[in-house]
Amino acid sequence: MTTRRKKIYEGKAKILYEGPEPGTLIQYFKDDATAFNAQKKAVLEGKGVINNRISEYVMTRLNTIGVQNHFIRRLNLREQLIKEVEIIPLEVVCRNIAAGSMSTRLGLPEGQALPRSIIEFYYKNDALQDPLVTEEHITAFNWASTQEIDDILAMTLRVNDFLTGMFGAVGITLVDFKIEYGRVWENDFSRVLLADEISPDSCRLWDSTTNEKLDKDRFRRDLGNVIESYTEVARRLGIMKEMPRVIEGGVG
């Protein structure tokens, strides 16, 4: 866009700009990839475009089943219009299979199915490397109320059920995912909305047959073919039709 826009916030993978009307923001998806609290960095051409499309697809479908979220509409290849929310400073992780930090922390072999889905809370603070916290911490420090925690837990389990089915139908196992929530205020009353994004940046996705990783672990662990794997997720979900040729996994 040629007009100067006011930048509200810049994160590792996205930029938020002032929206066209009050209560809205424009969310821009960058090609930057980071891991290990931004100690590892790269630019992966096309990543932002794919994540924008996958997140649009998932958020739209979640809206239709009553999981309210901040997504309004996609504006172009890299941007979407979203509702402005007051972000709750928690990363909410839902795990179905042991992987990543849970395997390390609890000595579980990666790939071991968990007895049930486990939801963990992490305090959103880069300087502290997003430490694991309990509901006791969350209420004591007033990051969220008991009611908000209940709403977040219920919504996260619904998202998990939906995503497990959606990915499972196209031969992908949902190992775990990270989401964030925000408040929207209506007079003195606030409600919780799902925010941020849902994409291979924020989910662990394994091929159901081969267990091949189709997510950000390919970048974290130097497995290569990051963009090809993200593209494969989009292709299986049937949302590649509008993608520019440059990203469709080919070198040509």
Protein backbone atom coordinates (compact mmCIF):
# COMPACT_ATOMS: atom_id res chain seq x y z
CA MET A 1 0.00 0.00 0.00
CA THR A 2 1.27 3.45 -0.79
CA THR A 3 -0.32 5.26 2.15
CA ARG A 4 1.68 5.52 5.35
CA ARG A 5 0.12 3.33 7.99
CA LYS A 6 0.57 3.48 11.71
CA LYS A 7 2.36 0.40 13.00
CA ILE A 8 0.82 -0.77 16.27
CA TYR A 9 3.02 -3.77 17.01
CA GLU A 10 5.66 -5.92 15.35
CA GLY A 11 6.23 -9.50 16.43
CA LYS A 12 8.51 -12.23 15.13
CA ALA A 13 6.21 -13.31 12.30
CA LYS A 14 3.56 -10.60 11.97
CA ILE A 15 3.04 -6.83 12.01
CA LEU A 16 -0.16 -5.15 13.21
CA TYR A 17 -1.19 -1.86 11.61
CA GLU A 18 -4.00 0.53 12.45
CA GLY A 19 -7.19 -0.64 10.77
CA PRO A 20 -9.48 1.30 8.41
CA GLU A 21 -12.18 1.72 11.06
CA PRO A 22 -12.19 1.87 14.87
CA GLY A 23 -11.87 -1.51 16.57
CA THR A 24 -10.01 -3.06 13.62
CA LEU A 25 -6.38 -3.80 12.80
CA ILE A 26 -4.56 -5.04 9.72
CA GLN A 27 -2.46 -8.14 10.37
CA TYR A 28 0.52 -8.53 8.01
CA PHE A 29 2.25 -11.91 7.70
CA LYS A 30 6.02 -11.68 7.33
CA ASP A 31 8.39 -14.21 5.75
CA ASP A 32 10.64 -14.05 8.81
CA ALA A 33 11.13 -17.32 10.65
CA THR A 34 12.50 -17.48 14.19
CA ALA A 35 13.16 -20.26 16.66
CA PHE A 36 14.59 -20.68 20.17
CA ASN A 37 13.31 -17.28 21.32
CA ALA A 38 14.62 -15.61 18.12
CA GLN A 39 18.19 -16.92 18.53
CA LYS A 40 17.77 -18.61 15.14
CA LYS A 41 16.45 -16.46 12.29
CA ALA A 42 15.87 -16.71 8.55
CA VAL A 43 13.68 -15.29 5.82
CA LEU A 44 11.65 -17.97 4.04
CA GLU A 45 10.21 -16.51 0.88
CA GLY A 46 6.46 -17.07 0.64
CA LYS A 47 5.90 -18.27 4.23
CA GLY A 48 3.73 -15.28 5.11
CA VAL A 49 1.51 -15.80 2.08
CA ILE A 50 0.87 -19.46 2.91
CA ASN A 51 0.26 -18.79 6.62
CA ASN A 52 -2.17 -15.98 5.77
CA ARG A 53 -4.22 -18.34 3.59
CA ILE A 54 -4.16 -21.29 6.02
CA SER A 55 -5.06 -19.06 8.98
CA GLU A 56 -7.91 -17.47 7.00
CA TYR A 57 -9.25 -20.91 6.09
CA VAL A 58 -9.11 -22.23 9.66
CA MET A 59 -10.46 -19.08 11.38
CA THR A 60 -13.36 -18.84 8.90
CA ARG A 61 -14.34 -22.44 9.56
CA LEU A 62 -13.99 -22.01 13.34
CA ASN A 63 -16.36 -19.02 13.16
CA THR A 64 -18.96 -21.19 11.45
CA ILE A 65 -18.93 -23.69 14.35
CA GLY A 66 -19.26 -20.91 16.93
CA VAL A 67 -15.63 -20.47 18.01
CA GLN A 68 -15.54 -16.69 17.89
CA ASN A 69 -12.27 -15.19 16.75
CA HIS A 70 -10.70 -11.95 15.59
CA PHE A 71 -10.69 -12.74 11.86
CA ILE A 72 -12.87 -10.52 9.65
CA ARG A 73 -11.57 -11.06 6.11
CA ARG A 74 -8.41 -11.52 4.07
CA LEU A 75 -7.38 -8.33 2.26
CA ASN A 76 -4.62 -9.58 -0.04
CA LEU A 77 -1.81 -12.13 -0.22
CA ARG A 78 -0.20 -11.06 3.06
CA GLU A 79 -2.81 -9.14 5.02
CA GLN A 80 -6.07 -9.72 6.82
CA LEU A 81 -8.50 -7.43 8.56
CA ILE A 82 -9.01 -8.42 12.19
CA LYS A 83 -10.87 -7.18 15.25
CA GLU A 84 -8.72 -5.28 17.71
CA VAL A 85 -8.54 -7.20 20.99
CA GLU A 86 -6.83 -6.69 24.32
CA ILE A 87 -4.40 -9.61 24.24
CA ILE A 88 -4.38 -11.85 27.32
CA PRO A 89 -0.63 -12.36 28.04
CA LEU A 90 -0.73 -16.14 27.76
CA GLU A 91 0.31 -18.64 25.15
CA VAL A 92 -2.12 -21.54 25.33
CA VAL A 93 -0.67 -24.84 24.15
CA CYS A 94 -2.82 -27.92 23.56
CA ARG A 95 -0.92 -31.20 23.26
CA ASN A 96 -2.21 -34.54 21.95
CA ILE A 97 1.14 -36.28 21.46
CA ALA A 98 4.42 -35.76 23.33
CA ALA A 99 6.84 -33.55 21.39
CA GLY A 100 9.08 -30.52 21.77
CA SER A 101 9.48 -29.04 25.25
CA MET A 102 7.07 -31.52 26.85
CA SER A 103 9.24 -34.46 25.75
CA THR A 104 12.33 -32.70 27.12
CA ARG A 105 10.68 -31.58 30.36
CA LEU A 106 8.97 -34.86 31.28
CA GLY A 107 11.32 -37.35 29.62
CA LEU A 108 8.65 -38.64 27.26
CA PRO A 109 9.66 -40.09 23.91
CA GLU A 110 8.61 -37.83 21.05
CA GLY A 111 5.57 -39.33 19.34
CA GLN A 112 4.10 -40.97 22.46
CA ALA A 113 0.33 -40.45 22.56
CA LEU A 114 -0.78 -38.63 25.73
CA PRO A 115 -3.47 -40.20 27.96
CA ARG A 116 -5.68 -37.22 27.05
CA SER A 117 -5.25 -33.80 25.49
CA ILE A 118 -3.27 -31.57 27.86
CA ILE A 119 -3.57 -27.78 27.88
CA GLU A 120 -0.64 -25.74 29.20
CA PHE A 121 -0.31 -22.02 29.85
CA TYR A 122 2.86 -20.03 29.20
CA TYR A 123 3.37 -16.43 30.28
CA LYS A 124 3.96 -14.33 27.16
CA ASN A 125 7.30 -12.70 27.91
CA ASP A 126 10.25 -12.99 25.52
CA ALA A 127 12.76 -11.76 28.10
CA LEU A 128 11.76 -14.67 30.37
CA GLN A 129 11.49 -17.11 27.45
CA ASP A 130 7.73 -17.62 27.95
CA PRO A 131 7.78 -19.66 31.19
CA LEU A 132 5.21 -22.35 31.96
CA VAL A 133 2.65 -21.09 34.51
CA THR A 134 -0.33 -22.52 36.38
CA GLU A 135 -3.89 -21.25 36.75
CA GLU A 136 -2.86 -20.13 40.24
CA HIS A 137 -0.27 -17.75 38.75
CA ILE A 138 -2.75 -16.48 36.15
CA THR A 139 -5.41 -15.52 38.69
CA ALA A 140 -2.95 -14.27 41.32
CA PHE A 141 -1.30 -11.86 38.88
CA ASN A 142 -4.63 -10.98 37.29
CA TRP A 143 -3.59 -11.98 33.76
CA ALA A 144 -7.04 -13.55 33.36
CA SER A 145 -10.05 -14.22 35.55
CA THR A 146 -11.29 -17.67 36.60
CA GLN A 147 -14.20 -17.27 34.17
CA GLU A 148 -11.83 -16.31 31.34
CA ILE A 149 -9.66 -19.35 32.07
CA ASP A 150 -12.77 -21.56 31.91
CA ASP A 151 -13.75 -19.98 28.58
CA ILE A 152 -10.21 -20.40 27.21
CA LEU A 153 -10.06 -24.08 28.24
CA ALA A 154 -13.47 -24.83 26.69
CA MET A 155 -12.64 -22.98 23.45
CA THR A 156 -9.21 -24.60 23.17
CA LEU A 157 -10.70 -28.09 23.45
CA ARG A 158 -13.24 -27.20 20.75
CA VAL A 159 -10.47 -25.91 18.51
CA ASN A 160 -8.49 -29.10 19.18
CA ASP A 161 -11.45 -31.32 18.26
CA PHE A 162 -12.10 -29.35 15.09
CA LEU A 163 -8.46 -29.18 13.96
CA THR A 164 -7.84 -32.87 14.76
CA GLY A 165 -10.74 -33.81 12.49
CA MET A 166 -9.90 -31.29 9.77
CA PHE A 167 -6.24 -32.32 9.50
CA GLY A 168 -6.98 -36.01 10.09
CA ALA A 169 -9.29 -36.02 7.05
CA VAL A 170 -6.34 -35.06 4.82
CA GLY A 171 -3.80 -37.47 6.33
CA ILE A 172 -2.20 -35.10 8.84
CA THR A 173 -1.83 -35.77 12.58
CA LEU A 174 -2.26 -32.74 14.87
CA VAL A 175 0.46 -33.25 17.48
CA ASP A 176 0.01 -29.93 19.30
CA PHE A 177 -0.72 -26.25 18.70
CA LYS A 178 -0.30 -22.84 20.31
CA ILE A 179 -2.98 -20.17 20.31
CA GLU A 180 -3.61 -16.83 21.97
CA TYR A 181 -6.76 -15.12 23.18
CA GLY A 182 -7.88 -11.55 23.60
CA ARG A 183 -10.71 -9.57 25.18
CA VAL A 184 -13.22 -7.42 23.40
CA TRP A 185 -15.12 -4.95 25.51
CA GLU A 186 -18.77 -4.05 25.11
CA ASN A 187 -19.52 -1.35 27.67
CA ASP A 188 -18.41 -2.88 30.99
CA PHE A 189 -18.67 -6.44 29.73
CA SER A 190 -15.80 -8.30 28.08
CA ARG A 191 -15.71 -11.59 26.22
CA VAL A 192 -12.84 -13.78 25.10
CA LEU A 193 -12.00 -14.20 21.41
CA LEU A 194 -9.48 -16.49 19.76
CA ALA A 195 -6.70 -14.32 18.25
CA ASP A 196 -3.25 -14.55 16.60
CA GLU A 197 -3.04 -17.24 13.88
CA ILE A 198 -3.39 -20.96 13.25
CA SER A 199 -0.78 -22.16 10.74
CA PRO A 200 2.20 -24.53 10.41
CA ASP A 201 4.12 -21.87 12.39
CA SER A 202 1.90 -22.50 15.41
CA CYS A 203 0.99 -26.21 15.04
CA ARG A 204 2.99 -29.42 14.98
CA LEU A 205 1.68 -31.35 11.99
CA TRP A 206 2.94 -34.81 11.02
CA ASP A 207 2.07 -36.88 7.99
CA SER A 208 -0.24 -39.56 9.37
CA THR A 209 1.47 -42.36 7.42
CA THR A 210 5.16 -41.47 7.58
CA ASN A 211 5.26 -39.09 10.61
CA GLU A 212 7.18 -36.67 8.37
CA LYS A 213 7.09 -33.19 9.92
CA LEU A 214 5.13 -30.61 7.94
CA ASP A 215 5.58 -27.66 10.31
CA LYS A 216 8.04 -25.18 11.86
CA ASP A 217 10.12 -28.03 13.35
CA ARG A 218 11.59 -28.37 9.85
CA PHE A 219 13.13 -24.94 10.41
CA ARG A 220 13.97 -25.45 14.10
CA ARG A 221 15.79 -28.72 13.39
CA ASP A 222 17.36 -27.85 10.03
CA LEU A 223 15.37 -30.50 8.17
CA GLY A 224 15.04 -28.34 5.05
CA ASN A 225 12.05 -28.04 2.68
CA VAL A 226 10.19 -25.73 5.06
CA ILE A 227 8.16 -23.90 2.41
CA GLU A 228 7.47 -27.12 0.51
CA SER A 229 6.04 -28.66 3.70
CA TYR A 230 3.86 -25.62 4.48
CA THR A 231 2.68 -25.68 0.86
CA GLU A 232 1.84 -29.37 1.17
CA VAL A 233 -0.41 -28.61 4.17
CA ALA A 234 -2.22 -25.91 2.16
CA ARG A 235 -2.49 -28.24 -0.86
CA ARG A 236 -4.04 -31.04 1.18
CA LEU A 237 -6.56 -28.61 2.68
CA GLY A 238 -7.52 -27.67 -0.88
CA ILE A 239 -6.59 -23.99 -0.59
CA MET A 240 -3.75 -23.77 -3.12
CA LYS A 241 -5.86 -22.64 -6.06
CA GLU A 242 -5.40 -18.93 -5.44
CA MET A 243 -1.72 -19.22 -4.56
CA PRO A 244 0.81 -17.46 -6.78
CA ARG A 245 2.82 -19.88 -8.92
CA VAL A 246 6.09 -18.94 -7.25
CA ILE A 247 5.07 -20.69 -4.05
CA GLU A 248 3.52 -23.87 -5.38
CA GLY A 249 6.47 -25.95 -4.26
CA GLY A 250 8.19 -25.88 -7.66
CA VAL A 251 11.52 -24.46 -8.62
CA GLY A 252 10.32 -23.36 -12.05
